[in-house]
PDB file of N, CA and C in Angstrom:
ATOM      1  N   MET A   1       0.815  -1.644   0.483  1.00  0.00           N
ATOM      2  CA  MET A   1      -0.249  -0.047   0.022  1.00  0.00           C
ATOM      3  C   MET A   1       1.044   1.799  -0.173  1.00  0.00           C
ATOM      4  N   LEU A   2       1.961   1.244   0.746  1.00  0.00           N
ATOM      5  CA  LEU A   2       3.304   2.400   1.531  1.00  0.00           C
ATOM      6  C   LEU A   2       3.925   2.445  -0.255  1.00  0.00           C
ATOM      7  N   LEU A   3       4.284   1.656  -1.086  1.00  0.00           N
ATOM      8  CA  LEU A   3       4.878   1.839  -2.346  1.00  0.00           C
ATOM      9  C   LEU A   3       3.909   2.531  -3.113  1.00  0.00           C
ATOM     10  N   SER A   4       2.320   1.881  -3.301  1.00  0.00           N
ATOM     11  CA  SER A   4       1.885   2.311  -4.302  1.00  0.00           C
ATOM     12  C   SER A   4       1.597   4.009  -3.887  1.00  0.00           C
ATOM     13  N   LEU A   5       1.274   4.311  -2.922  1.00  0.00           N
ATOM     14  CA  LEU A   5       1.640   5.948  -2.608  1.00  0.00           C
ATOM     15  C   LEU A   5       2.773   7.003  -3.288  1.00  0.00           C
ATOM     16  N   ILE A   6       3.828   6.521  -2.836  1.00  0.00           N
ATOM     17  CA  ILE A   6       4.830   6.753  -3.533  1.00  0.00           C
ATOM     18  C   ILE A   6       5.511   6.724  -4.984  1.00  0.00           C
ATOM     19  N   ALA A   7       4.457   5.436  -5.492  1.00  0.00           N
ATOM     20  CA  ALA A   7       4.470   5.440  -6.423  1.00  0.00           C
ATOM     21  C   ALA A   7       3.413   6.806  -7.378  1.00  0.00           C
ATOM     22  N   ALA A   8       2.808   7.382  -6.232  1.00  0.00           N
ATOM     23  CA  ALA A   8       2.022   7.681  -7.149  1.00  0.00           C
ATOM     24  C   ALA A   8       1.837   9.470  -7.302  1.00  0.00           C
ATOM     25  N   LEU A   9       3.006   9.812  -6.504  1.00  0.00           N
ATOM     26  CA  LEU A   9       4.277  11.464  -6.516  1.00  0.00           C
ATOM     27  C   LEU A   9       4.425  11.584  -7.757  1.00  0.00           C
ATOM     28  N   GLY A  10       4.509  12.921  -7.972  1.00  0.00           N
ATOM     29  CA  GLY A  10       5.448  13.482  -8.818  1.00  0.00           C
ATOM     30  C   GLY A  10       5.797  14.606  -8.931  1.00  0.00           C
ATOM     31  N   SER A  11       7.103  15.002  -9.290  1.00  0.00           N
ATOM     32  CA  SER A  11       7.493  15.784  -9.825  1.00  0.00           C
ATOM     33  C   SER A  11       6.791  17.378 -11.061  1.00  0.00           C
ATOM     34  N   VAL A  12       6.363  18.316 -10.156  1.00  0.00           N
ATOM     35  CA  VAL A  12       6.242  19.596 -11.104  1.00  0.00           C
ATOM     36  C   VAL A  12       7.037  19.963 -11.281  1.00  0.00           C
ATOM     37  N   SER A  13       7.527  20.687 -12.769  1.00  0.00           N
ATOM     38  CA  SER A  13       8.494  22.115 -13.038  1.00  0.00           C
ATOM     39  C   SER A  13       7.762  22.562 -13.340  1.00  0.00           C
ATOM     40  N   VAL A  14       7.896  23.685 -13.071  1.00  0.00           N
ATOM     41  CA  VAL A  14       6.798  24.850 -13.911  1.00  0.00           C
ATOM     42  C   VAL A  14       7.940  26.396 -14.195  1.00  0.00           C
ATOM     43  N   THR A  15       8.099  26.066 -15.340  1.00  0.00           N
ATOM     44  CA  THR A  15       9.177  27.633 -16.101  1.00  0.00           C
ATOM     45  C   THR A  15       8.394  29.030 -16.759  1.00  0.00           C
ATOM     46  N   VAL A  16       8.771  29.727 -16.014  1.00  0.00           N
ATOM     47  CA  VAL A  16       8.246  31.034 -15.783  1.00  0.00           C
ATOM     48  C   VAL A  16       9.286  31.974 -16.905  1.00  0.00           C
ATOM     49  N   ASN A  17       8.827  32.705 -17.419  1.00  0.00           N
ATOM     50  CA  ASN A  17       8.386  33.777 -18.084  1.00  0.00           C
ATOM     51  C   ASN A  17       8.094  34.796 -18.099  1.00  0.00           C
ATOM     52  N   THR A  18       9.148  36.019 -18.075  1.00  0.00           N
ATOM     53  CA  THR A  18       8.515  37.226 -18.093  1.00  0.00           C
ATOM     54  C   THR A  18       9.762  37.941 -17.941  1.00  0.00           C
ATOM     55  N   PRO A  19       9.060  39.078 -19.125  1.00  0.00           N
ATOM     56  CA  PRO A  19       9.865  40.590 -19.567  1.00  0.00           C
ATOM     57  C   PRO A  19      10.134  41.430 -18.788  1.00  0.00           C
ATOM     58  N   ASN A  20       9.237  41.876 -17.707  1.00  0.00           N
ATOM     59  CA  ASN A  20       9.401  42.631 -16.249  1.00  0.00           C
ATOM     60  C   ASN A  20       9.670  42.012 -14.858  1.00  0.00           C
ATOM     61  N   PRO A  21      11.385  41.160 -14.654  1.00  0.00           N
ATOM     62  CA  PRO A  21      11.452  40.885 -13.601  1.00  0.00           C
ATOM     63  C   PRO A  21      12.065  42.177 -12.108  1.00  0.00           C
ATOM     64  N   GLU A  22      10.273  42.554 -12.058  1.00  0.00           N
ATOM     65  CA  GLU A  22      10.868  43.442 -10.739  1.00  0.00           C
ATOM     66  C   GLU A  22       9.981  43.007  -9.390  1.00  0.00           C
ATOM     67  N   GLY A  23       9.783  42.664  -8.414  1.00  0.00           N
ATOM     68  CA  GLY A  23       9.099  41.777  -7.565  1.00  0.00           C
ATOM     69  C   GLY A  23       9.457  40.843  -7.043  1.00  0.00           C
ATOM     70  N   ASP A  24       8.329  40.234  -6.622  1.00  0.00           N
ATOM     71  CA  ASP A  24       8.321  38.713  -5.845  1.00  0.00           C
ATOM     72  C   ASP A  24       7.933  37.548  -7.206  1.00  0.00           C
ATOM     73  N   MET A  25       7.894  36.891  -7.476  1.00  0.00           N
ATOM     74  CA  MET A  25       7.111  35.723  -8.253  1.00  0.00           C
ATOM     75  C   MET A  25       6.151  34.739  -7.128  1.00  0.00           C
ATOM     76  N   TYR A  26       5.170  34.843  -8.034  1.00  0.00           N
ATOM     77  CA  TYR A  26       4.813  33.626  -7.214  1.00  0.00           C
ATOM     78  C   TYR A  26       3.678  32.215  -7.957  1.00  0.00           C
ATOM     79  N   VAL A  27       4.317  30.826  -7.315  1.00  0.00           N
ATOM     80  CA  VAL A  27       3.384  30.045  -8.225  1.00  0.00           C
ATOM     81  C   VAL A  27       3.453  28.797  -7.540  1.00  0.00           C
ATOM     82  N   SER A  28       1.922  28.380  -8.114  1.00  0.00           N
ATOM     83  CA  SER A  28       0.929  27.978  -7.110  1.00  0.00           C
ATOM     84  C   SER A  28       0.181  26.485  -7.348  1.00  0.00           C
ATOM     85  N   ILE A  29       0.137  25.640  -7.129  1.00  0.00           N
ATOM     86  CA  ILE A  29      -0.240  24.720  -7.352  1.00  0.00           C
ATOM     87  C   ILE A  29      -1.804  23.986  -6.706  1.00  0.00           C
ATOM     88  N   CYS A  30      -2.832  24.108  -7.832  1.00  0.00           N
ATOM     89  CA  CYS A  30      -4.104  24.391  -6.885  1.00  0.00           C
ATOM     90  C   CYS A  30      -5.098  22.461  -7.170  1.00  0.00           C
ATOM     91  N   SER A  31      -5.501  22.404  -6.232  1.00  0.00           N
ATOM     92  CA  SER A  31      -6.081  21.817  -6.680  1.00  0.00           C
ATOM     93  C   SER A  31      -8.270  22.038  -7.217  1.00  0.00           C
ATOM     94  N   GLU A  32      -8.645  20.992  -7.342  1.00  0.00           N
ATOM     95  CA  GLU A  32     -10.181  22.236  -7.655  1.00  0.00           C
ATOM     96  C   GLU A  32     -10.830  22.964  -6.671  1.00  0.00           C
ATOM     97  N   ASP A  33     -10.485  22.428  -4.625  1.00  0.00           N
ATOM     98  CA  ASP A  33     -11.157  22.694  -3.475  1.00  0.00           C
ATOM     99  C   ASP A  33     -10.291  24.587  -3.271  1.00  0.00           C
ATOM    100  N   THR A  34      -8.894  24.477  -3.993  1.00  0.00           N
ATOM    101  CA  THR A  34      -8.596  25.599  -4.079  1.00  0.00           C
ATOM    102  C   THR A  34      -8.006  26.778  -5.351  1.00  0.00           C
ATOM    103  N   PHE A  35      -8.527  26.315  -5.997  1.00  0.00           N
ATOM    104  CA  PHE A  35      -8.564  27.406  -6.965  1.00  0.00           C
ATOM    105  C   PHE A  35      -8.620  29.051  -6.815  1.00  0.00           C
ATOM    106  N   LEU A  36      -8.151  28.780  -7.116  1.00  0.00           N
ATOM    107  CA  LEU A  36      -8.737  31.342  -6.659  1.00  0.00           C
ATOM    108  C   LEU A  36      -8.561  30.947  -5.586  1.00  0.00           C
ATOM    109  N   SER A  37      -8.561  30.751  -4.474  1.00  0.00           N
ATOM    110  CA  SER A  37      -8.832  30.941  -2.717  1.00  0.00           C
ATOM    111  C   SER A  37      -8.072  31.687  -2.462  1.00  0.00           C
ATOM    112  N   GLY A  38      -6.143  31.455  -2.978  1.00  0.00           N
ATOM    113  CA  GLY A  38      -5.239  31.635  -1.652  1.00  0.00           C
ATOM    114  C   GLY A  38      -5.003  30.376  -1.200  1.00  0.00           C
ATOM    115  N   ARG A  39      -5.057  29.844  -1.227  1.00  0.00           N
ATOM    116  CA  ARG A  39      -4.861  29.006  -0.038  1.00  0.00           C
ATOM    117  C   ARG A  39      -4.776  27.475  -0.750  1.00  0.00           C
ATOM    118  N   CYS A  40      -3.907  27.027  -1.837  1.00  0.00           N
ATOM    119  CA  CYS A  40      -3.320  25.964  -2.780  1.00  0.00           C
ATOM    120  C   CYS A  40      -2.474  25.275  -2.263  1.00  0.00           C
ATOM    121  N   GLU A  41      -2.076  24.498  -2.496  1.00  0.00           N
ATOM    122  CA  GLU A  41      -1.623  23.180  -1.517  1.00  0.00           C
ATOM    123  C   GLU A  41      -0.078  23.308  -1.550  1.00  0.00           C
ATOM    124  N   HIS A  42       0.400  24.073  -2.746  1.00  0.00           N
ATOM    125  CA  HIS A  42       1.981  23.584  -2.692  1.00  0.00           C
ATOM    126  C   HIS A  42       2.200  25.053  -3.779  1.00  0.00           C
ATOM    127  N   GLY A  43       2.343  26.474  -2.961  1.00  0.00           N
ATOM    128  CA  GLY A  43       2.836  26.887  -2.903  1.00  0.00           C
ATOM    129  C   GLY A  43       4.754  27.034  -3.100  1.00  0.00           C
ATOM    130  N   GLN A  44       4.910  28.293  -4.297  1.00  0.00           N
ATOM    131  CA  GLN A  44       6.395  28.969  -3.717  1.00  0.00           C
ATOM    132  C   GLN A  44       6.683  30.916  -4.341  1.00  0.00           C
ATOM    133  N   ARG A  45       7.204  31.331  -3.131  1.00  0.00           N
ATOM    134  CA  ARG A  45       7.702  32.666  -3.874  1.00  0.00           C
ATOM    135  C   ARG A  45       9.031  33.103  -3.665  1.00  0.00           C
ATOM    136  N   ARG A  46      10.091  33.773  -4.875  1.00  0.00           N
ATOM    137  CA  ARG A  46      11.137  34.255  -4.720  1.00  0.00           C
ATOM    138  C   ARG A  46      11.614  35.112  -5.759  1.00  0.00           C
ATOM    139  N   ALA A  47      12.097  36.080  -5.208  1.00  0.00           N
ATOM    140  CA  ALA A  47      12.535  37.146  -6.083  1.00  0.00           C
ATOM    141  C   ALA A  47      12.466  36.961  -7.809  1.00  0.00           C
ATOM    142  N   ALA A  48      11.660  37.785  -8.390  1.00  0.00           N
ATOM    143  CA  ALA A  48      11.212  37.695  -9.743  1.00  0.00           C
ATOM    144  C   ALA A  48      12.206  37.554 -10.641  1.00  0.00           C
ATOM    145  N   SER A  49      13.156  37.263 -11.603  1.00  0.00           N
ATOM    146  CA  SER A  49      14.030  36.253 -12.842  1.00  0.00           C
ATOM    147  C   SER A  49      13.030  36.803 -13.810  1.00  0.00           C
ATOM    148  N   PRO A  50      14.026  36.671 -15.433  1.00  0.00           N
ATOM    149  CA  PRO A  50      13.485  37.045 -16.653  1.00  0.00           C
ATOM    150  C   PRO A  50      13.006  35.674 -16.824  1.00  0.00           C
ATOM    151  N   GLU A  51      13.684  34.593 -16.640  1.00  0.00           N
ATOM    152  CA  GLU A  51      13.309  32.675 -16.721  1.00  0.00           C
ATOM    153  C   GLU A  51      13.639  31.974 -15.367  1.00  0.00           C
ATOM    154  N   ASP A  52      12.768  31.304 -14.983  1.00  0.00           N
ATOM    155  CA  ASP A  52      13.243  30.444 -12.970  1.00  0.00           C
ATOM    156  C   ASP A  52      12.264  29.675 -13.604  1.00  0.00           C
ATOM    157  N   VAL A  53      12.846  28.781 -13.305  1.00  0.00           N
ATOM    158  CA  VAL A  53      11.622  26.848 -12.679  1.00  0.00           C
ATOM    159  C   VAL A  53      11.942  26.853 -11.395  1.00  0.00           C
ATOM    160  N   PHE A  54      10.678  26.960 -11.255  1.00  0.00           N
ATOM    161  CA  PHE A  54      10.183  26.497  -9.762  1.00  0.00           C
ATOM    162  C   PHE A  54       9.636  24.595  -9.320  1.00  0.00           C
ATOM    163  N   VAL A  55      10.428  23.861  -9.088  1.00  0.00           N
ATOM    164  CA  VAL A  55      10.269  22.851  -9.243  1.00  0.00           C
ATOM    165  C   VAL A  55       9.736  21.807  -7.810  1.00  0.00           C
ATOM    166  N   PHE A  56       8.616  21.202  -7.834  1.00  0.00           N
ATOM    167  CA  PHE A  56       7.175  21.118  -6.903  1.00  0.00           C
ATOM    168  C   PHE A  56       7.584  19.141  -6.482  1.00  0.00           C
ATOM    169  N   ASP A  57       7.702  19.460  -5.659  1.00  0.00           N
ATOM    170  CA  ASP A  57       8.087  17.433  -5.647  1.00  0.00           C
ATOM    171  C   ASP A  57       7.216  16.865  -4.880  1.00  0.00           C
ATOM    172  N   ASP A  58       6.906  15.268  -5.368  1.00  0.00           N
ATOM    173  CA  ASP A  58       5.691  14.943  -4.319  1.00  0.00           C
ATOM    174  C   ASP A  58       4.707  15.279  -4.290  1.00  0.00           C
ATOM    175  N   ILE A  59       4.328  15.859  -5.370  1.00  0.00           N
ATOM    176  CA  ILE A  59       2.943  15.768  -5.911  1.00  0.00           C
ATOM    177  C   ILE A  59       1.885  14.885  -6.636  1.00  0.00           C
ATOM    178  N   PRO A  60       0.360  14.858  -5.800  1.00  0.00           N
ATOM    179  CA  PRO A  60      -0.077  13.497  -6.292  1.00  0.00           C
ATOM    180  C   PRO A  60      -0.838  13.328  -8.421  1.00  0.00           C
ATOM    181  N   ALA A  61      -0.806  12.737  -8.356  1.00  0.00           N
ATOM    182  CA  ALA A  61      -0.556  12.204  -9.950  1.00  0.00           C
ATOM    183  C   ALA A  61      -2.276  12.966  -9.854  1.00  0.00           C
ATOM    184  N   GLY A  62      -3.233  13.523 -10.868  1.00  0.00           N
ATOM    185  CA  GLY A  62      -4.393  14.058 -10.275  1.00  0.00           C
ATOM    186  C   GLY A  62      -4.581  15.733 -11.732  1.00  0.00           C
ATOM    187  N   ASP A  63      -4.996  16.552 -11.850  1.00  0.00           N
ATOM    188  CA  ASP A  63      -5.881  17.244 -12.291  1.00  0.00           C
ATOM    189  C   ASP A  63      -5.522  18.432 -11.061  1.00  0.00           C
ATOM    190  N   TRP A  64      -4.206  19.003 -12.170  1.00  0.00           N
ATOM    191  CA  TRP A  64      -4.288  20.280 -11.381  1.00  0.00           C
ATOM    192  C   TRP A  64      -3.617  22.042 -11.275  1.00  0.00           C
ATOM    193  N   ALA A  65      -4.532  22.674 -10.759  1.00  0.00           N
ATOM    194  CA  ALA A  65      -4.135  23.903 -11.710  1.00  0.00           C
ATOM    195  C   ALA A  65      -2.849  25.092 -11.591  1.00  0.00           C
ATOM    196  N   ILE A  66      -2.792  25.284 -12.371  1.00  0.00           N
ATOM    197  CA  ILE A  66      -1.249  26.338 -11.983  1.00  0.00           C
ATOM    198  C   ILE A  66      -1.253  27.659 -11.930  1.00  0.00           C
ATOM    199  N   GLN A  67      -1.458  28.194 -11.088  1.00  0.00           N
ATOM    200  CA  GLN A  67      -1.838  29.440 -10.822  1.00  0.00           C
ATOM    201  C   GLN A  67       0.277  31.262 -10.599  1.00  0.00           C
ATOM    202  N   VAL A  68       0.251  31.653 -10.939  1.00  0.00           N
ATOM    203  CA  VAL A  68       1.186  32.838 -11.203  1.00  0.00           C
ATOM    204  C   VAL A  68       0.851  33.900 -11.641  1.00  0.00           C
ATOM    205  N   TRP A  69       1.684  34.403  -9.648  1.00  0.00           N
ATOM    206  CA  TRP A  69       1.562  36.393  -9.864  1.00  0.00           C
ATOM    207  C   TRP A  69       2.339  36.536  -9.534  1.00  0.00           C
ATOM    208  N   ARG A  70       3.064  37.536 -10.100  1.00  0.00           N
ATOM    209  CA  ARG A  70       3.916  38.252  -9.851  1.00  0.00           C
ATOM    210  C   ARG A  70       3.550  39.820  -9.545  1.00  0.00           C
ATOM    211  N   ASP A  71       4.125  39.907  -8.520  1.00  0.00           N
ATOM    212  CA  ASP A  71       4.035  40.930  -7.513  1.00  0.00           C
ATOM    213  C   ASP A  71       5.137  42.504  -7.355  1.00  0.00           C
ATOM    214  N   PRO A  72       5.053  43.413  -8.628  1.00  0.00           N
ATOM    215  CA  PRO A  72       5.561  44.197  -8.777  1.00  0.00           C
ATOM    216  C   PRO A  72       6.532  44.985  -6.694  1.00  0.00           C
ATOM    217  N   GLU A  73       5.593  44.975  -6.503  1.00  0.00           N
ATOM    218  CA  GLU A  73       6.193  46.004  -5.344  1.00  0.00           C
ATOM    219  C   GLU A  73       6.759  44.949  -4.020  1.00  0.00           C
ATOM    220  N   GLY A  74       6.363  44.198  -4.509  1.00  0.00           N
ATOM    221  CA  GLY A  74       6.861  42.653  -3.674  1.00  0.00           C
ATOM    222  C   GLY A  74       6.683  42.607  -1.962  1.00  0.00           C
ATOM    223  N   ASP A  75       4.579  43.739  -2.059  1.00  0.00           N
ATOM    224  CA  ASP A  75       4.448  43.864  -0.651  1.00  0.00           C
ATOM    225  C   ASP A  75       3.514  42.898  -0.467  1.00  0.00           C
ATOM    226  N   GLY A  76       3.535  41.372  -0.937  1.00  0.00           N
ATOM    227  CA  GLY A  76       3.005  40.387  -0.996  1.00  0.00           C
ATOM    228  C   GLY A  76       1.150  40.834  -0.158  1.00  0.00           C
ATOM    229  N   GLU A  77       0.472  41.748  -1.091  1.00  0.00           N
ATOM    230  CA  GLU A  77      -0.598  42.479  -1.585  1.00  0.00           C
ATOM    231  C   GLU A  77      -1.481  41.818  -2.970  1.00  0.00           C
ATOM    232  N   MET A  78      -1.828  40.828  -3.214  1.00  0.00           N
ATOM    233  CA  MET A  78      -2.553  41.137  -4.670  1.00  0.00           C
ATOM    234  C   MET A  78      -3.591  42.742  -4.431  1.00  0.00           C
ATOM    235  N   ARG A  79      -3.288  43.251  -5.204  1.00  0.00           N
ATOM    236  CA  ARG A  79      -3.814  44.423  -5.816  1.00  0.00           C
ATOM    237  C   ARG A  79      -5.075  44.351  -6.913  1.00  0.00           C
ATOM    238  N   THR A  80      -6.475  45.071  -6.299  1.00  0.00           N
ATOM    239  CA  THR A  80      -7.439  44.482  -7.450  1.00  0.00           C
ATOM    240  C   THR A  80      -7.938  45.354  -7.971  1.00  0.00           C
ATOM    241  N   MET A  81      -9.018  45.190  -8.863  1.00  0.00           N
ATOM    242  CA  MET A  81     -10.148  46.085  -9.705  1.00  0.00           C
ATOM    243  C   MET A  81     -11.271  45.914  -8.857  1.00  0.00           C
ATOM    244  N   ALA A  82     -11.696  47.262  -9.594  1.00  0.00           N
ATOM    245  CA  ALA A  82     -13.401  46.530  -9.664  1.00  0.00           C
ATOM    246  C   ALA A  82     -13.485  45.026  -9.654  1.00  0.00           C
ATOM    247  N   PHE A  83     -14.784  44.095  -9.190  1.00  0.00           N
ATOM    248  CA  PHE A  83     -15.422  43.578  -9.242  1.00  0.00           C
ATOM    249  C   PHE A  83     -14.295  42.414  -8.780  1.00  0.00           C
ATOM    250  N   GLY A  84     -12.815  42.899  -8.058  1.00  0.00           N
ATOM    251  CA  GLY A  84     -11.878  41.494  -7.410  1.00  0.00           C
ATOM    252  C   GLY A  84     -10.949  41.293  -8.320  1.00  0.00           C
ATOM    253  N   ILE A  85     -11.043  41.607  -9.776  1.00  0.00           N
ATOM    254  CA  ILE A  85     -10.383  41.445 -10.546  1.00  0.00           C
ATOM    255  C   ILE A  85      -8.982  42.051 -10.583  1.00  0.00           C
ATOM    256  N   PRO A  86      -8.119  41.267 -10.690  1.00  0.00           N
ATOM    257  CA  PRO A  86      -5.895  41.471 -10.583  1.00  0.00           C
ATOM    258  C   PRO A  86      -6.055  42.544 -10.932  1.00  0.00           C
ATOM    259  N   ALA A  87      -5.114  43.668 -10.338  1.00  0.00           N
ATOM    260  CA  ALA A  87      -4.617  44.611 -11.115  1.00  0.00           C
ATOM    261  C   ALA A  87      -2.999  44.475 -11.345  1.00  0.00           C
ATOM    262  N   GLU A  88      -2.954  43.123 -10.860  1.00  0.00           N
ATOM    263  CA  GLU A  88      -1.543  42.780 -10.991  1.00  0.00           C
ATOM    264  C   GLU A  88      -1.106  41.654 -11.870  1.00  0.00           C
ATOM    265  N   PRO A  89       0.162  41.045 -12.597  1.00  0.00           N
ATOM    266  CA  PRO A  89       0.072  40.892 -13.831  1.00  0.00           C
ATOM    267  C   PRO A  89       0.285  39.346 -12.903  1.00  0.00           C
ATOM    268  N   ILE A  90      -0.653  38.012 -13.748  1.00  0.00           N
ATOM    269  CA  ILE A  90      -1.465  37.103 -13.318  1.00  0.00           C
ATOM    270  C   ILE A  90      -1.295  35.641 -14.811  1.00  0.00           C
ATOM    271  N   THR A  91      -1.072  34.839 -14.932  1.00  0.00           N
ATOM    272  CA  THR A  91      -1.392  34.187 -15.954  1.00  0.00           C
ATOM    273  C   THR A  91      -2.010  32.538 -15.063  1.00  0.00           C
ATOM    274  N   ILE A  92      -2.112  32.050 -15.426  1.00  0.00           N
ATOM    275  CA  ILE A  92      -3.561  30.421 -15.326  1.00  0.00           C
ATOM    276  C   ILE A  92      -2.696  29.551 -16.448  1.00  0.00           C
ATOM    277  N   SER A  93      -2.511  28.065 -16.003  1.00  0.00           N
ATOM    278  CA  SER A  93      -2.297  27.369 -16.877  1.00  0.00           C
ATOM    279  C   SER A  93      -3.314  27.262 -18.074  1.00  0.00           C
ATOM    280  N   ASN A  94      -2.738  26.207 -19.202  1.00  0.00           N
ATOM    281  CA  ASN A  94      -4.043  26.277 -19.694  1.00  0.00           C
ATOM    282  C   ASN A  94      -4.908  27.978 -20.133  1.00  0.00           C
ATOM    283  N   ASP A  95      -4.001  29.007 -20.301  1.00  0.00           N
ATOM    284  CA  ASP A  95      -4.998  30.147 -20.161  1.00  0.00           C
ATOM    285  C   ASP A  95      -6.000  30.110 -21.007  1.00  0.00           C
ATOM    286  N   PRO A  96      -7.202  29.658 -19.386  1.00  0.00           N
ATOM    287  CA  PRO A  96      -8.465  29.664 -19.408  1.00  0.00           C
ATOM    288  C   PRO A  96      -9.256  31.024 -19.939  1.00  0.00           C
ATOM    289  N   PRO A  97     -10.374  31.314 -20.567  1.00  0.00           N
ATOM    290  CA  PRO A  97     -11.275  32.639 -20.920  1.00  0.00           C
ATOM    291  C   PRO A  97     -11.532  32.961 -19.444  1.00  0.00           C
ATOM    292  N   MET A  98     -11.836  34.218 -19.474  1.00  0.00           N
ATOM    293  CA  MET A  98     -11.897  34.627 -18.322  1.00  0.00           C
ATOM    294  C   MET A  98     -12.994  36.265 -18.495  1.00  0.00           C
ATOM    295  N   ASN A  99     -13.721  35.812 -19.026  1.00  0.00           N
ATOM    296  CA  ASN A  99     -13.989  37.005 -20.018  1.00  0.00           C
ATOM    297  C   ASN A  99     -15.289  37.536 -19.117  1.00  0.00           C
ATOM    298  N   PHE A 100     -16.124  36.877 -19.117  1.00  0.00           N
ATOM    299  CA  PHE A 100     -17.556  36.929 -17.978  1.00  0.00           C
ATOM    300  C   PHE A 100     -17.754  37.068 -16.909  1.00  0.00           C
ATOM    301  N   GLY A 101     -16.083  36.923 -15.894  1.00  0.00           N
ATOM    302  CA  GLY A 101     -15.816  36.000 -14.551  1.00  0.00           C
ATOM    303  C   GLY A 101     -14.861  34.990 -14.627  1.00  0.00           C
ATOM    304  N   PRO A 102     -13.964  34.297 -12.877  1.00  0.00           N
ATOM    305  CA  PRO A 102     -13.482  33.933 -12.999  1.00  0.00           C
ATOM    306  C   PRO A 102     -13.247  32.829 -13.666  1.00  0.00           C
ATOM    307  N   PRO A 103     -11.712  32.525 -14.398  1.00  0.00           N
ATOM    308  CA  PRO A 103     -12.301  31.126 -15.133  1.00  0.00           C
ATOM    309  C   PRO A 103     -12.168  29.977 -14.255  1.00  0.00           C
ATOM    310  N   ARG A 104     -12.536  28.688 -15.215  1.00  0.00           N
ATOM    311  CA  ARG A 104     -13.214  27.735 -14.507  1.00  0.00           C
ATOM    312  C   ARG A 104     -12.483  26.238 -14.628  1.00  0.00           C
ATOM    313  N   PHE A 105     -11.728  25.958 -13.035  1.00  0.00           N
ATOM    314  CA  PHE A 105     -10.817  24.746 -13.172  1.00  0.00           C
ATOM    315  C   PHE A 105     -10.816  23.757 -14.038  1.00  0.00           C
ATOM    316  N   ALA A 106     -11.813  23.391 -14.261  1.00  0.00           N
ATOM    317  CA  ALA A 106     -11.856  22.463 -15.950  1.00  0.00           C
ATOM    318  C   ALA A 106     -10.636  22.895 -16.780  1.00  0.00           C
ATOM    319  N   ASP A 107     -11.011  24.360 -17.129  1.00  0.00           N
ATOM    320  CA  ASP A 107     -10.063  25.120 -18.382  1.00  0.00           C
ATOM    321  C   ASP A 107      -8.788  24.954 -17.748  1.00  0.00           C
ATOM    322  N   ALA A 108      -9.053  24.969 -16.831  1.00  0.00           N
ATOM    323  CA  ALA A 108      -6.768  25.736 -16.035  1.00  0.00           C
ATOM    324  C   ALA A 108      -6.335  24.204 -15.791  1.00  0.00           C
ATOM    325  N   ALA A 109      -7.304  23.192 -15.568  1.00  0.00           N
ATOM    326  CA  ALA A 109      -6.605  21.371 -15.137  1.00  0.00           C
ATOM    327  C   ALA A 109      -5.854  21.606 -15.748  1.00  0.00           C
ATOM    328  N   VAL A 110      -4.867  21.024 -15.135  1.00  0.00           N
ATOM    329  CA  VAL A 110      -3.330  20.497 -16.472  1.00  0.00           C
ATOM    330  C   VAL A 110      -3.609  19.056 -15.227  1.00  0.00           C
ATOM    331  N   ALA A 111      -2.947  18.161 -16.312  1.00  0.00           N
ATOM    332  CA  ALA A 111      -2.335  16.546 -15.597  1.00  0.00           C
ATOM    333  C   ALA A 111      -1.005  16.432 -15.772  1.00  0.00           C
ATOM    334  N   VAL A 112      -1.212  15.920 -13.683  1.00  0.00           N
ATOM    335  CA  VAL A 112      -0.099  15.463 -13.699  1.00  0.00           C
ATOM    336  C   VAL A 112      -0.156  13.761 -13.344  1.00  0.00           C
ATOM    337  N   SER A 113       1.093  13.375 -14.241  1.00  0.00           N
ATOM    338  CA  SER A 113       1.120  11.468 -14.206  1.00  0.00           C
ATOM    339  C   SER A 113       1.999  11.835 -12.895  1.00  0.00           C
ATOM    340  N   GLU A 114       2.418  10.319 -12.995  1.00  0.00           N
ATOM    341  CA  GLU A 114       3.350  10.223 -12.038  1.00  0.00           C
ATOM    342  C   GLU A 114       4.415  10.424 -12.135  1.00  0.00           C
ATOM    343  N   ASP A 115       4.896  10.399 -13.658  1.00  0.00           N
ATOM    344  CA  ASP A 115       5.933  10.563 -13.930  1.00  0.00           C
ATOM    345  C   ASP A 115       6.316  12.540 -13.454  1.00  0.00           C
ATOM    346  N   GLY A 116       5.192  12.878 -13.462  1.00  0.00           N
ATOM    347  CA  GLY A 116       5.226  14.209 -13.094  1.00  0.00           C
ATOM    348  C   GLY A 116       4.827  15.029 -14.570  1.00  0.00           C
ATOM    349  N   ALA A 117       4.988  16.314 -14.167  1.00  0.00           N
ATOM    350  CA  ALA A 117       5.261  17.248 -15.243  1.00  0.00           C
ATOM    351  C   ALA A 117       5.986  17.981 -15.287  1.00  0.00           C
ATOM    352  N   GLU A 118       5.586  19.238 -16.865  1.00  0.00           N
ATOM    353  CA  GLU A 118       6.329  20.263 -17.283  1.00  0.00           C
ATOM    354  C   GLU A 118       5.289  21.117 -17.440  1.00  0.00           C
ATOM    355  N   ILE A 119       5.446  22.528 -16.910  1.00  0.00           N
ATOM    356  CA  ILE A 119       4.878  23.505 -17.144  1.00  0.00           C
ATOM    357  C   ILE A 119       5.443  24.546 -17.743  1.00  0.00           C
ATOM    358  N   SER A 120       5.299  24.907 -18.765  1.00  0.00           N
ATOM    359  CA  SER A 120       5.327  26.929 -19.404  1.00  0.00           C
ATOM    360  C   SER A 120       4.462  27.493 -19.488  1.00  0.00           C
ATOM    361  N   LEU A 121       5.166  28.676 -18.116  1.00  0.00           N
ATOM    362  CA  LEU A 121       3.877  30.421 -18.135  1.00  0.00           C
ATOM    363  C   LEU A 121       4.669  31.406 -18.306  1.00  0.00           C
ATOM    364  N   SER A 122       4.010  32.692 -19.395  1.00  0.00           N
ATOM    365  CA  SER A 122       4.619  34.040 -19.336  1.00  0.00           C
ATOM    366  C   SER A 122       3.459  34.633 -18.142  1.00  0.00           C
ATOM    367  N   VAL A 123       4.054  35.163 -17.303  1.00  0.00           N
ATOM    368  CA  VAL A 123       3.574  36.447 -17.040  1.00  0.00           C
ATOM    369  C   VAL A 123       4.358  37.837 -17.177  1.00  0.00           C
ATOM    370  N   ASN A 124       3.622  39.242 -18.208  1.00  0.00           N
ATOM    371  CA  ASN A 124       4.474  40.029 -17.234  1.00  0.00           C
ATOM    372  C   ASN A 124       4.584  40.605 -16.227  1.00  0.00           C
TER     373      ASN A 124
END
């Protein structure tokens, strides 16, 4: 039983590119239950750079959404506009539509296998 649980965990590598490497970069891996909540199961933060690779180990196989947010001020606060729309640079896996409200998890989900996954995202 323990061997099958260990085999179901993979490593997820998220490469993030930004033409504006100022402030901090936040990368989160979220389940459907935590998507867009700010309480994702897995997250990392570091100073923004033009290209960086965030590696998350021991991610269970399944569907996950990747959220990236660049905090230009480095204050840890997500500024928003009217109706809670982010005023700071963000990107979400699969670039889901956000025309008339927040994106759906199903549109943002990426499959993570037992072998893990490699994702590349860009954020301004």
